[in-house]
Structures are given as C-alpha cells and as structure tokens.
Amino acid sequence: MRISPIRIFQMQRMSAIALLVFMTIHMVVVHYPPGHIDFSLIIVRMAQPIWKVIDILFLASVLIHALTGMYMVLTDVQQIGRYRQALEWAAVIIFILAFIYGTQTILAFQPPATANVIP
C-alpha cells in the first residue's frame, strides 16, 4: 500500500474541517449548556442515536487527523524513510483498532433505567 503525500495532505485538511464542525458542536452541547454542566446531560444525549452517529464521525475525524499528522511528521525525518511502508500499515492498523474500540464503546452505552431520557 502506497498513499501519495498529496493524498495524505488532503486527508489531513478534510479531517481538520470536519474537526472544526464536530468540536464546535461538542463544545456548545457539552461544555456550554444552559445552567450547569451535569453528567445527566451526557446520559440524555448518548441515549439518542443521532448523537451516537455524530460521536462516531467525530472519532473517525480525530483518528484520521492525528494519524496522518503523525505519519507526515515521522516521514519528514530522513532516517525513517526506509520504514515508510511499515509506518503506513501501522497507522492503518491503529486506526482500525481504535475506531472499532471507540465505536463499540459509543454503541454499547445504554442509559440507566432511572435516567430521565427524552424520547
């Protein structure tokens, strides 16, 4: 597998735009709710499927942005050049494992039976 540096650059920039959107949503909903910050707000939000989709897309954006950035920084070092293909595979494997783990965590969340959940 060989991904061109320009494609990685494009992935980095597209994920940065997605991060701006998702981080703005995250900050407004989680950190600046009316009143005070309370874990019950997170329970209500995570009980709704649309928020699970948003969180999964946020997770994917973070992973793509971080791993492409790390890859580009590491491959800028001349001595690492011969390990480029191994770094590509490591980044893909880390992405897959972290995405599966994060997605399972998000999807497995079920609000407690006593939580006041908005339908």
Protein backbone atom coordinates (compact mmCIF):
# COMPACT_ATOMS: atom_id res chain seq x y z
CA MET A 1 0.00 0.00 0.00
CA ARG A 2 1.44 3.33 -1.02
CA ILE A 3 -0.51 6.53 -0.39
CA SER A 4 0.84 9.65 -2.05
CA PRO A 5 1.89 12.54 0.22
CA ILE A 6 -0.60 14.84 -1.50
CA ARG A 7 -3.46 12.42 -0.69
CA ILE A 8 -2.34 12.34 2.95
CA PHE A 9 -2.18 16.14 2.93
CA GLN A 10 -5.74 16.26 1.57
CA MET A 11 -6.95 13.78 4.20
CA GLN A 12 -5.35 15.95 6.90
CA ARG A 13 -7.08 19.08 5.65
CA MET A 14 -10.50 17.45 5.18
CA SER A 15 -10.34 15.96 8.67
CA ALA A 16 -9.36 19.39 10.04
CA ILE A 17 -12.52 20.90 8.56
CA ALA A 18 -14.61 18.06 9.99
CA LEU A 19 -12.94 18.59 13.37
CA LEU A 20 -13.89 22.26 13.34
CA VAL A 21 -17.52 21.28 12.84
CA PHE A 22 -17.57 18.43 15.38
CA MET A 23 -15.56 20.30 18.01
CA THR A 24 -17.88 23.29 17.75
CA ILE A 25 -20.91 21.02 18.22
CA HIS A 26 -19.16 19.24 21.10
CA MET A 27 -18.18 22.46 22.87
CA VAL A 28 -21.63 24.03 22.53
CA VAL A 29 -23.56 20.92 23.60
CA VAL A 30 -21.30 19.51 26.32
CA HIS A 31 -19.31 22.39 27.76
CA TYR A 32 -21.69 25.35 27.43
CA PRO A 33 -25.18 24.05 28.21
CA PRO A 34 -27.68 26.36 29.86
CA GLY A 35 -27.29 26.17 33.60
CA HIS A 36 -24.51 23.97 34.89
CA ILE A 37 -22.60 21.02 33.47
CA ASP A 38 -24.09 17.79 34.69
CA PHE A 39 -23.43 14.17 33.71
CA SER A 40 -27.17 13.67 33.25
CA LEU A 41 -26.96 15.85 30.11
CA ILE A 42 -24.46 13.40 28.63
CA ILE A 43 -26.70 10.46 29.54
CA VAL A 44 -29.67 12.07 27.77
CA ARG A 45 -27.55 12.94 24.73
CA MET A 46 -25.94 9.50 24.44
CA ALA A 47 -29.34 7.79 24.56
CA GLN A 48 -30.22 9.33 21.19
CA PRO A 49 -28.95 7.53 18.04
CA ILE A 50 -28.13 10.74 16.16
CA TRP A 51 -25.62 11.71 18.85
CA LYS A 52 -24.01 8.30 18.64
CA VAL A 53 -23.54 8.83 14.88
CA ILE A 54 -22.10 12.30 15.49
CA ASP A 55 -19.68 10.93 18.11
CA ILE A 56 -18.56 8.11 15.79
CA LEU A 57 -17.90 10.60 12.97
CA PHE A 58 -16.04 12.81 15.46
CA LEU A 59 -13.93 9.80 16.49
CA ALA A 60 -13.09 9.00 12.85
CA SER A 61 -12.10 12.62 12.18
CA VAL A 62 -9.83 12.74 15.23
CA LEU A 63 -8.14 9.46 14.33
CA ILE A 64 -7.58 10.39 10.68
CA HIS A 65 -6.24 13.83 11.60
CA ALA A 66 -3.92 12.52 14.33
CA LEU A 67 -2.57 9.54 12.41
CA THR A 68 -1.97 11.40 9.14
CA GLY A 69 -0.25 14.19 11.06
CA MET A 70 1.93 11.74 12.96
CA TYR A 71 2.79 9.91 9.74
CA MET A 72 3.79 13.11 7.93
CA VAL A 73 5.95 14.28 10.84
CA LEU A 74 7.71 10.91 11.11
CA THR A 75 8.33 10.58 7.38
CA ASP A 76 9.90 14.06 7.29
CA VAL A 77 12.86 12.55 9.15
CA GLN A 78 15.32 11.21 6.57
CA GLN A 79 16.35 8.13 8.57
CA ILE A 80 12.72 6.95 8.80
CA GLY A 81 12.28 6.90 5.00
CA ARG A 82 13.03 3.20 4.66
CA TYR A 83 10.32 2.38 7.22
CA ARG A 84 7.65 4.37 5.37
CA GLN A 85 5.59 1.35 4.32
CA ALA A 86 5.70 -0.12 7.84
CA LEU A 87 4.51 3.25 9.21
CA GLU A 88 1.64 3.29 6.71
CA TRP A 89 0.50 -0.16 7.80
CA ALA A 90 0.94 0.73 11.49
CA ALA A 91 -1.23 3.84 11.02
CA VAL A 92 -3.94 1.83 9.25
CA ILE A 93 -3.91 -0.89 11.91
CA ILE A 94 -4.01 1.67 14.75
CA PHE A 95 -6.91 3.45 13.03
CA ILE A 96 -8.89 0.24 12.59
CA LEU A 97 -8.33 -0.97 16.16
CA ALA A 98 -9.01 2.42 17.77
CA PHE A 99 -12.07 3.01 15.59
CA ILE A 100 -13.55 -0.40 16.41
CA TYR A 101 -12.87 0.03 20.12
CA GLY A 102 -14.28 3.57 20.21
CA THR A 103 -17.32 2.67 18.14
CA GLN A 104 -18.09 -0.33 20.35
CA THR A 105 -17.82 1.89 23.41
CA ILE A 106 -20.18 4.51 21.95
CA LEU A 107 -22.72 1.96 20.71
CA ALA A 108 -22.65 -0.06 23.95
CA PHE A 109 -23.66 2.91 26.08
CA GLN A 110 -27.14 2.42 27.49
CA PRO A 111 -28.64 4.95 29.88
CA PRO A 112 -29.56 3.65 33.32
CA ALA A 113 -33.21 2.68 33.73
CA THR A 114 -33.66 5.52 36.24
CA ALA A 115 -32.35 8.21 33.85
CA ASN A 116 -34.80 10.81 32.66
CA VAL A 117 -34.34 10.29 28.90
CA ILE A 118 -36.07 12.43 26.31
CA PRO A 119 -37.68 10.16 23.65
